[in-house]
Amino acid sequence: MAEWQTAEQVAQTTGVPVATLRRWGKSSLVKTQRSTRGTRLYQPHEVATVRAKLAGEPDDTRYRVLLGNGRERPEQVLPPAETLPVTCIDLFAGAGGTALGFHNAGFRHGLLSEFDPAAAATLRENSERLGLGWNIAEGDVRRLDFSGLRADVIQAGFPCQAFSYAGKSMGFEDTRGTLFFEFARAIEQVRPAVAVGENVRGLEKHDGGRTLTTMLNTLDELGYRVAYRILRAQYLDVPQKRERLIMIAVRKDLDAPILFPQERDYLISLRQALDGVPESPGQRYPEKKRRVMELVPEGGNWRDLPEGVAREFMGGSWTLPGGRTGMARRMAWDEPCLTLTCAPAQKQTERCHPSETRPLTVREYARIQTFPDAWDFQGNLAQQYRQIGNAVPVNLGYHVARCVLAMLGAVPRTDDMLEA
């Protein structure tokens, strides 16, 4: 079992300053956990490995790129297994991140539902060109009748909405009027063996945790055992610090464990992810902003600007509390990228290229989300950024899908699958 120590203890044995350790932990560059007293703990061997990597020392193992079949290009999604006789329905499919991950794991898709016209066009274009054979239903999911459909799995990245609780039992009926209800309605009508829900990690504490409780109670009421985990994509073959809440439900009449992927002991750096990335369109800074961003070093932010420049650039945000570390933020080559947003040049969540003074391009965005270079995005530039930024990373979807396949007995369970 890995040894966990306080920042002060690890600093003594590794020579990494406490302040640096806390920065690495906050940015998820190293794993941390809380002690029973609330103190953040670190693993000395992990810290030493990251220090070696950042110092350019050889024989680093933490940053290995292991994407299957010995391939070492992180932009290449995990290789498709042979297609298995296991079917899936994907709701709120977006640009296809989860669907492609499930496809690469071996799933066959019976239906993908997507409301946004540009994202639906992306699904159609890639399905036709790459021969995926997906049936894409564009439009309002509330108009779909699932009663005649059958599938082993239903997957949905439903939007998080507030519910009303006054005088109610916090069950299936309480979700009416929300898009989660459409996920639940599909489950009720199709009765899949497994259902997978995905959302932002903030769902766990949304409305004091009551929103998530309502969802879990709903799945229980529908006849499913359910568990959830917050998965960190940066430890699952994704070059991005991105956390997602994944809930997995299995029908109560089935004797199957609920499995989640175990986090790996390596990361993929932005340098690895963007190696050989194709040229593509991207946003550009206005000249005034470009001159400001030119002053920010690799991995830096507004704190690295001269005070007068920073005050003018930040405007009213200058007096706000908190670190505001997303402002004037330039990415670092030797770390995973920060979480991608729907646009790379938003003032509060800047995603500037590590060495060029410009926002990340569309294809760079796609690499970071582990879409293959052959995956085309439809719509205008803003719509393409939004589709990629909203997507579940393909490789994260792959790892979840392999666990679901093991739950169904379609593939062997492996040591890197953890029972809930």
Protein backbone atom coordinates (compact mmCIF):
# COMPACT_ATOMS: atom_id res chain seq x y z
CA MET A 1 0.00 0.00 0.00
CA ALA A 2 1.30 3.47 -0.89
CA GLU A 3 2.74 5.52 1.95
CA TRP A 4 1.05 8.84 2.68
CA GLN A 5 2.89 11.67 4.47
CA THR A 6 2.34 15.30 5.32
CA ALA A 7 3.75 18.06 3.13
CA GLU A 8 6.42 18.79 5.73
CA GLN A 9 7.55 15.15 5.86
CA VAL A 10 7.65 14.81 2.07
CA ALA A 11 9.53 18.10 1.73
CA GLN A 12 12.29 16.77 4.01
CA THR A 13 12.75 13.54 2.05
CA THR A 14 12.36 14.87 -1.50
CA GLY A 15 13.66 18.42 -1.26
CA VAL A 16 10.50 19.80 -2.86
CA PRO A 17 9.34 22.93 -0.97
CA VAL A 18 6.05 22.73 0.91
CA ALA A 19 4.58 25.57 -1.17
CA THR A 20 5.41 23.67 -4.36
CA LEU A 21 3.86 20.48 -2.99
CA ARG A 22 0.65 22.32 -2.20
CA ARG A 23 0.57 23.82 -5.70
CA TRP A 24 1.14 20.40 -7.27
CA GLY A 25 -1.61 18.89 -5.13
CA LYS A 26 -4.08 21.66 -5.86
CA SER A 27 -3.46 21.32 -9.60
CA SER A 28 -3.71 17.48 -9.40
CA LEU A 29 -0.17 17.09 -10.68
CA VAL A 30 0.26 14.66 -7.79
CA LYS A 31 -2.43 12.69 -6.01
CA THR A 32 -3.39 13.71 -2.49
CA GLN A 33 -5.78 12.55 0.18
CA ARG A 34 -7.02 14.03 3.44
CA SER A 35 -6.10 12.61 6.83
CA THR A 36 -8.74 12.10 9.51
CA ARG A 37 -7.71 15.52 10.84
CA GLY A 38 -8.17 17.17 7.45
CA THR A 39 -4.46 17.52 6.64
CA ARG A 40 -3.52 17.04 2.98
CA LEU A 41 -1.22 14.01 2.53
CA TYR A 42 1.17 13.14 -0.30
CA GLN A 43 3.05 10.08 -1.56
CA PRO A 44 6.84 10.61 -1.46
CA HIS A 45 7.62 8.37 -4.45
CA GLU A 46 5.08 10.23 -6.60
CA VAL A 47 6.51 13.61 -5.65
CA ALA A 48 10.04 12.43 -6.38
CA THR A 49 8.98 11.14 -9.80
CA VAL A 50 7.31 14.41 -10.76
CA ARG A 51 10.33 16.34 -9.56
CA ALA A 52 12.56 14.16 -11.76
CA LYS A 53 10.28 14.71 -14.74
CA LEU A 54 10.19 18.47 -14.37
CA ALA A 55 13.96 18.52 -13.95
CA GLY A 56 14.35 16.60 -17.22
CA GLU A 57 15.93 13.54 -15.63
CA PRO A 58 15.71 10.24 -17.55
CA ASP A 59 13.91 6.98 -16.75
CA ASP A 60 10.74 8.66 -15.60
CA THR A 61 7.81 6.28 -15.33
CA ARG A 62 5.05 8.56 -14.18
CA TYR A 63 4.65 10.20 -17.56
CA ARG A 64 4.52 7.02 -19.60
CA VAL A 65 1.97 7.01 -22.38
CA LEU A 66 0.25 3.63 -22.37
CA LEU A 67 -2.67 3.71 -24.76
CA GLY A 68 -2.78 0.06 -25.76
CA ASN A 69 -0.93 -2.15 -28.22
CA GLY A 70 2.33 -0.42 -27.30
CA ARG A 71 1.30 2.84 -28.95
CA GLU A 72 2.88 5.92 -27.46
CA ARG A 73 1.00 8.78 -29.11
CA PRO A 74 -1.51 10.21 -26.61
CA GLU A 75 -3.56 11.84 -29.37
CA GLN A 76 -4.42 8.36 -30.64
CA VAL A 77 -7.45 7.08 -28.78
CA LEU A 78 -7.28 3.68 -27.21
CA PRO A 79 -7.53 1.12 -30.00
CA PRO A 80 -10.92 -0.40 -30.77
CA ALA A 81 -11.43 -3.89 -29.47
CA GLU A 82 -13.44 -6.22 -31.65
CA THR A 83 -17.07 -5.15 -31.72
CA LEU A 84 -18.98 -7.11 -29.11
CA PRO A 85 -22.65 -8.15 -29.07
CA VAL A 86 -23.35 -5.46 -26.46
CA THR A 87 -25.57 -2.51 -27.35
CA CYS A 88 -25.81 1.03 -26.03
CA ILE A 89 -28.11 4.05 -26.23
CA ASP A 90 -26.38 7.42 -25.77
CA LEU A 91 -28.45 10.43 -24.71
CA PHE A 92 -27.17 14.03 -24.85
CA ALA A 93 -24.39 12.66 -27.06
CA GLY A 94 -22.76 16.01 -27.92
CA ALA A 95 -19.80 15.68 -30.27
CA GLY A 96 -19.45 11.99 -29.46
CA GLY A 97 -16.70 11.81 -26.82
CA THR A 98 -18.40 9.18 -24.68
CA ALA A 99 -19.88 7.38 -27.68
CA LEU A 100 -16.48 7.08 -29.36
CA GLY A 101 -14.92 5.85 -26.11
CA PHE A 102 -17.64 3.21 -25.78
CA HIS A 103 -17.22 2.28 -29.45
CA ASN A 104 -13.47 1.85 -28.97
CA ALA A 105 -14.20 -0.46 -26.04
CA GLY A 106 -16.37 -2.67 -28.25
CA PHE A 107 -19.94 -1.36 -27.89
CA ARG A 108 -22.49 -1.18 -30.68
CA HIS A 109 -24.70 1.91 -30.58
CA GLY A 110 -28.38 1.51 -31.31
CA LEU A 111 -29.23 5.20 -30.90
CA LEU A 112 -27.55 8.52 -30.18
CA SER A 113 -29.74 11.49 -29.25
CA GLU A 114 -28.53 15.09 -29.54
CA PHE A 115 -30.41 18.40 -29.50
CA ASP A 116 -27.75 20.81 -30.81
CA PRO A 117 -27.76 20.89 -34.64
CA ALA A 118 -24.00 21.46 -34.99
CA ALA A 119 -23.15 18.59 -32.61
CA ALA A 120 -25.66 16.30 -34.37
CA ALA A 121 -23.99 17.21 -37.68
CA THR A 122 -20.63 16.25 -36.17
CA LEU A 123 -22.03 12.85 -35.18
CA ARG A 124 -23.52 12.24 -38.64
CA GLU A 125 -20.40 13.35 -40.51
CA ASN A 126 -18.06 11.09 -38.57
CA SER A 127 -20.44 8.14 -38.46
CA GLU A 128 -20.84 8.20 -42.24
CA ARG A 129 -17.21 8.91 -43.10
CA LEU A 130 -15.72 6.44 -40.62
CA GLY A 131 -18.34 3.76 -41.17
CA LEU A 132 -19.61 3.68 -37.58
CA GLY A 133 -23.21 3.06 -38.60
CA TRP A 134 -24.68 5.21 -35.81
CA ASN A 135 -28.40 6.03 -35.77
CA ILE A 136 -28.54 9.70 -34.77
CA ALA A 137 -31.80 11.23 -33.54
CA GLU A 138 -31.50 15.02 -33.76
CA GLY A 139 -33.95 17.09 -31.74
CA ASP A 140 -35.64 17.25 -28.36
CA VAL A 141 -35.12 14.04 -26.38
CA ARG A 142 -38.51 14.62 -24.75
CA ARG A 143 -40.14 13.68 -28.05
CA LEU A 144 -38.44 10.28 -28.24
CA ASP A 145 -40.38 7.11 -27.46
CA PHE A 146 -38.03 4.50 -26.01
CA SER A 147 -40.66 1.82 -25.36
CA GLY A 148 -39.85 -0.16 -28.51
CA LEU A 149 -36.08 -0.05 -28.02
CA ARG A 150 -33.78 -2.56 -26.40
CA ALA A 151 -30.21 -2.02 -25.22
CA ASP A 152 -27.82 -3.49 -22.69
CA VAL A 153 -26.67 -0.05 -21.55
CA ILE A 154 -28.05 3.50 -21.53
CA GLN A 155 -25.51 6.27 -21.12
CA ALA A 156 -26.30 9.96 -20.60
CA GLY A 157 -24.35 13.13 -19.89
CA PHE A 158 -27.44 14.95 -18.69
CA PRO A 159 -27.38 18.65 -17.71
CA CYS A 160 -27.64 19.35 -13.98
CA GLN A 161 -30.81 21.19 -13.00
CA ALA A 162 -32.29 22.27 -9.69
CA PHE A 163 -35.28 20.34 -8.38
CA SER A 164 -38.12 21.31 -6.08
CA TYR A 165 -38.29 19.24 -2.89
CA ALA A 166 -41.03 20.78 -0.77
CA GLY A 167 -43.38 18.04 0.43
CA LYS A 168 -42.03 15.46 -1.99
CA SER A 169 -40.40 12.07 -1.68
CA MET A 170 -37.34 12.89 -3.80
CA GLY A 171 -38.02 10.06 -6.26
CA PHE A 172 -38.90 9.51 -9.92
CA GLU A 173 -41.81 11.96 -10.06
CA ASP A 174 -39.72 14.73 -8.52
CA THR A 175 -37.49 14.81 -11.60
CA ARG A 176 -40.27 15.77 -14.03
CA GLY A 177 -39.42 18.85 -16.05
CA THR A 178 -35.69 18.15 -15.86
CA LEU A 179 -33.48 16.48 -18.44
CA PHE A 180 -32.44 13.88 -15.87
CA PHE A 181 -36.07 12.75 -16.01
CA GLU A 182 -35.57 11.87 -19.69
CA PHE A 183 -32.64 9.66 -18.71
CA ALA A 184 -34.82 8.03 -16.05
CA ARG A 185 -37.74 7.69 -18.50
CA ALA A 186 -35.50 5.92 -21.01
CA ILE A 187 -34.31 3.54 -18.28
CA GLU A 188 -37.89 2.82 -17.21
CA GLN A 189 -38.98 2.04 -20.78
CA VAL A 190 -35.90 0.13 -22.01
CA ARG A 191 -34.90 -1.63 -18.77
CA PRO A 192 -31.18 -1.92 -19.66
CA ALA A 193 -28.87 -4.08 -17.58
CA VAL A 194 -26.69 -1.07 -16.76
CA ALA A 195 -27.17 2.70 -16.84
CA VAL A 196 -24.30 5.21 -16.78
CA GLY A 197 -24.75 8.88 -15.92
CA GLU A 198 -22.09 11.57 -16.25
CA ASN A 199 -21.88 15.12 -14.96
CA VAL A 200 -19.54 17.73 -13.50
CA ARG A 201 -18.08 17.01 -10.07
CA GLY A 202 -20.09 19.94 -8.66
CA LEU A 203 -23.22 17.78 -8.89
CA GLU A 204 -22.07 16.03 -5.71
CA LYS A 205 -22.67 19.17 -3.65
CA HIS A 206 -25.31 20.87 -5.81
CA ASP A 207 -28.06 22.27 -3.59
CA GLY A 208 -26.40 20.77 -0.52
CA GLY A 209 -26.25 17.33 -2.11
CA ARG A 210 -30.02 17.06 -2.52
CA THR A 211 -29.93 17.04 -6.32
CA LEU A 212 -27.64 14.00 -6.42
CA THR A 213 -29.67 12.31 -3.68
CA THR A 214 -32.81 12.73 -5.79
CA MET A 215 -31.06 11.14 -8.77
CA LEU A 216 -29.77 8.19 -6.76
CA ASN A 217 -33.18 7.67 -5.14
CA THR A 218 -34.80 7.77 -8.57
CA LEU A 219 -32.56 5.01 -9.92
CA ASP A 220 -33.20 2.95 -6.79
CA GLU A 221 -36.95 3.42 -7.23
CA LEU A 222 -36.63 2.20 -10.82
CA GLY A 223 -35.04 -1.03 -9.60
CA TYR A 224 -31.31 -0.35 -9.85
CA ARG A 225 -28.37 -0.54 -7.47
CA VAL A 226 -26.27 2.55 -7.97
CA ALA A 227 -22.90 3.99 -6.96
CA TYR A 228 -20.92 7.00 -8.07
CA ARG A 229 -17.31 8.11 -8.16
CA ILE A 230 -15.52 11.30 -9.14
CA LEU A 231 -12.95 10.28 -11.74
CA ARG A 232 -9.88 12.35 -12.57
CA ALA A 233 -9.30 12.15 -16.30
CA GLN A 234 -5.63 13.10 -15.96
CA TYR A 235 -5.00 9.68 -14.40
CA LEU A 236 -6.94 7.84 -17.11
CA ASP A 237 -4.94 8.50 -20.28
CA VAL A 238 -6.18 12.07 -20.78
CA PRO A 239 -3.68 14.99 -20.93
CA GLN A 240 -6.04 17.25 -19.01
CA LYS A 241 -6.92 17.97 -15.38
CA ARG A 242 -10.62 17.24 -15.69
CA GLU A 243 -12.88 15.72 -13.05
CA ARG A 244 -16.23 14.12 -13.83
CA LEU A 245 -18.85 12.51 -11.63
CA ILE A 246 -19.77 9.08 -12.99
CA MET A 247 -22.72 7.16 -11.62
CA ILE A 248 -23.21 3.51 -12.60
CA ALA A 249 -26.45 1.63 -11.95
CA VAL A 250 -27.08 -2.09 -12.41
CA ARG A 251 -30.50 -3.72 -12.45
CA LYS A 252 -31.26 -5.33 -9.11
CA ASP A 253 -32.14 -8.71 -10.57
CA LEU A 254 -28.60 -9.08 -11.92
CA ASP A 255 -25.75 -10.45 -9.82
CA ALA A 256 -23.08 -8.08 -11.10
CA PRO A 257 -20.62 -5.87 -9.25
CA ILE A 258 -20.43 -2.14 -9.94
CA LEU A 259 -16.94 -1.42 -11.27
CA PHE A 260 -15.00 1.82 -11.75
CA PRO A 261 -11.61 2.29 -13.44
CA GLN A 262 -8.61 2.59 -11.16
CA GLU A 263 -6.51 5.70 -11.65
CA ARG A 264 -3.17 5.01 -13.32
CA ASP A 265 0.21 5.93 -11.88
CA TYR A 266 1.23 8.19 -14.75
CA LEU A 267 0.18 11.39 -16.48
CA ILE A 268 0.33 12.61 -20.07
CA SER A 269 1.87 16.03 -20.51
CA LEU A 270 0.65 18.71 -22.89
CA ARG A 271 3.95 18.39 -24.75
CA GLN A 272 3.21 14.74 -25.49
CA ALA A 273 -0.39 15.43 -26.42
CA LEU A 274 0.39 18.18 -28.93
CA ASP A 275 3.35 16.49 -30.60
CA GLY A 276 2.70 16.67 -34.35
CA VAL A 277 -0.77 18.17 -33.99
CA PRO A 278 -2.20 19.25 -37.38
CA GLU A 279 -2.69 22.94 -38.10
CA SER A 280 -6.26 24.14 -37.71
CA PRO A 281 -8.32 27.31 -37.20
CA GLY A 282 -8.31 28.97 -33.81
CA GLN A 283 -9.21 32.16 -32.03
CA ARG A 284 -6.77 35.07 -32.02
CA TYR A 285 -6.16 37.71 -29.39
CA PRO A 286 -6.86 41.38 -30.06
CA GLU A 287 -3.55 43.22 -30.27
CA LYS A 288 -3.97 44.87 -26.85
CA LYS A 289 -4.56 41.53 -25.14
CA ARG A 290 -1.79 39.87 -27.12
CA ARG A 291 0.73 42.39 -25.76
CA VAL A 292 -0.39 41.55 -22.21
CA MET A 293 -0.28 37.79 -22.71
CA GLU A 294 3.18 38.09 -24.24
CA LEU A 295 4.43 39.05 -20.77
CA VAL A 296 3.11 35.86 -19.09
CA PRO A 297 5.70 33.06 -18.78
CA GLU A 298 4.97 29.39 -19.41
CA GLY A 299 2.71 28.08 -16.66
CA GLY A 300 2.11 31.63 -15.36
CA ASN A 301 -0.89 33.89 -14.91
CA TRP A 302 -1.81 37.47 -13.98
CA ARG A 303 0.42 37.36 -10.91
CA ASP A 304 3.44 37.32 -13.25
CA LEU A 305 2.47 40.60 -14.89
CA PRO A 306 3.81 44.01 -13.81
CA GLU A 307 1.37 45.41 -11.26
CA GLY A 308 0.19 48.27 -13.42
CA VAL A 309 -0.43 45.99 -16.39
CA ALA A 310 -2.22 43.45 -14.20
CA ARG A 311 -4.49 46.10 -12.64
CA GLU A 312 -5.54 47.44 -16.01
CA PHE A 313 -6.03 43.97 -17.51
CA MET A 314 -8.11 42.61 -14.64
CA GLY A 315 -10.29 45.65 -14.15
CA GLY A 316 -12.88 45.00 -11.42
CA SER A 317 -11.50 41.50 -10.82
CA TRP A 318 -8.37 43.03 -9.26
CA THR A 319 -10.14 43.54 -5.93
CA LEU A 320 -11.96 40.22 -5.84
CA PRO A 321 -10.88 37.56 -3.32
CA GLY A 322 -9.36 34.24 -4.33
CA GLY A 323 -6.44 33.27 -6.50
CA ARG A 324 -8.11 34.04 -9.86
CA THR A 325 -5.40 31.85 -11.37
CA GLY A 326 -7.38 31.30 -14.56
CA MET A 327 -6.89 34.93 -15.58
CA ALA A 328 -4.10 35.58 -18.10
CA ARG A 329 -3.22 31.89 -17.75
CA ARG A 330 -0.63 30.30 -20.01
CA MET A 331 -0.41 26.51 -20.07
CA ALA A 332 2.72 24.54 -19.14
CA TRP A 333 4.35 22.05 -21.50
CA ASP A 334 5.28 19.43 -18.90
CA GLU A 335 1.91 19.18 -17.14
CA PRO A 336 -1.52 18.05 -18.27
CA CYS A 337 -3.62 20.94 -19.57
CA LEU A 338 -6.10 22.67 -17.30
CA THR A 339 -9.77 21.75 -17.83
CA LEU A 340 -10.89 22.92 -21.25
CA THR A 341 -13.86 25.27 -21.35
CA CYS A 342 -16.22 26.14 -24.20
CA ALA A 343 -13.84 28.83 -25.47
CA PRO A 344 -10.07 29.14 -25.00
CA ALA A 345 -9.91 32.92 -24.54
CA GLN A 346 -12.42 33.63 -21.78
CA LYS A 347 -11.06 36.14 -19.32
CA GLN A 348 -11.60 34.04 -16.19
CA THR A 349 -10.44 30.74 -17.74
CA GLU A 350 -7.70 31.61 -20.21
CA ARG A 351 -6.13 28.71 -22.13
CA CYS A 352 -3.09 30.23 -23.81
CA HIS A 353 -0.60 28.08 -25.73
CA PRO A 354 2.54 27.30 -23.66
CA SER A 355 5.04 29.02 -25.96
CA GLU A 356 3.04 30.86 -28.63
CA THR A 357 0.97 33.85 -27.64
CA ARG A 358 -2.42 32.67 -28.88
CA PRO A 359 -5.34 30.57 -27.63
CA LEU A 360 -5.27 26.82 -28.19
CA THR A 361 -6.62 25.82 -31.62
CA VAL A 362 -9.51 23.49 -32.43
CA ARG A 363 -7.26 20.52 -33.17
CA GLU A 364 -5.21 21.18 -30.04
CA TYR A 365 -8.47 21.21 -28.08
CA ALA A 366 -9.42 17.91 -29.71
CA ARG A 367 -6.06 16.29 -28.91
CA ILE A 368 -6.39 17.32 -25.27
CA GLN A 369 -9.84 15.69 -25.16
CA THR A 370 -8.29 12.60 -26.86
CA PHE A 371 -10.37 12.85 -30.03
CA PRO A 372 -8.46 11.39 -32.98
CA ASP A 373 -7.21 13.75 -35.67
CA ALA A 374 -9.66 12.15 -38.10
CA TRP A 375 -12.66 13.31 -36.02
CA ASP A 376 -14.16 16.34 -37.79
CA PHE A 377 -16.22 18.94 -35.99
CA GLN A 378 -19.05 20.71 -37.80
CA GLY A 379 -20.36 24.24 -37.37
CA ASN A 380 -18.57 27.56 -37.01
CA LEU A 381 -15.44 28.07 -34.93
CA ALA A 382 -17.31 28.95 -31.72
CA GLN A 383 -19.57 25.89 -32.12
CA GLN A 384 -16.59 23.59 -32.63
CA TYR A 385 -14.85 24.88 -29.51
CA ARG A 386 -18.07 24.47 -27.53
CA GLN A 387 -18.60 20.89 -28.70
CA ILE A 388 -15.06 19.88 -27.75
CA GLY A 389 -15.06 21.77 -24.46
CA ASN A 390 -18.35 20.16 -23.39
CA ALA A 391 -17.28 16.64 -24.36
CA VAL A 392 -16.34 13.77 -22.10
CA PRO A 393 -12.73 12.85 -23.00
CA VAL A 394 -12.76 9.86 -25.33
CA ASN A 395 -10.25 7.89 -23.28
CA LEU A 396 -12.18 8.48 -20.06
CA GLY A 397 -15.26 7.09 -21.80
CA TYR A 398 -13.20 4.10 -22.91
CA HIS A 399 -12.09 3.19 -19.39
CA VAL A 400 -15.64 3.49 -18.01
CA ALA A 401 -16.95 1.39 -20.90
CA ARG A 402 -14.45 -1.42 -20.25
CA CYS A 403 -15.65 -1.59 -16.65
CA VAL A 404 -19.26 -1.81 -17.83
CA LEU A 405 -18.35 -4.59 -20.25
CA ALA A 406 -16.71 -6.48 -17.39
CA MET A 407 -19.84 -6.00 -15.29
CA LEU A 408 -21.84 -7.60 -18.10
CA GLY A 409 -19.36 -10.47 -18.45
CA ALA A 410 -18.49 -9.43 -22.03
CA VAL A 411 -14.78 -8.99 -21.18
CA PRO A 412 -12.69 -10.31 -18.29
CA ARG A 413 -12.43 -8.21 -15.15
CA THR A 414 -8.89 -6.90 -14.67
CA ASP A 415 -6.92 -5.69 -11.66
CA ASP A 416 -7.36 -2.05 -12.69
CA MET A 417 -11.13 -2.24 -12.13
CA LEU A 418 -12.30 -1.39 -8.62
CA GLU A 419 -15.55 -2.57 -7.08
CA ALA A 420 -17.75 0.12 -5.59
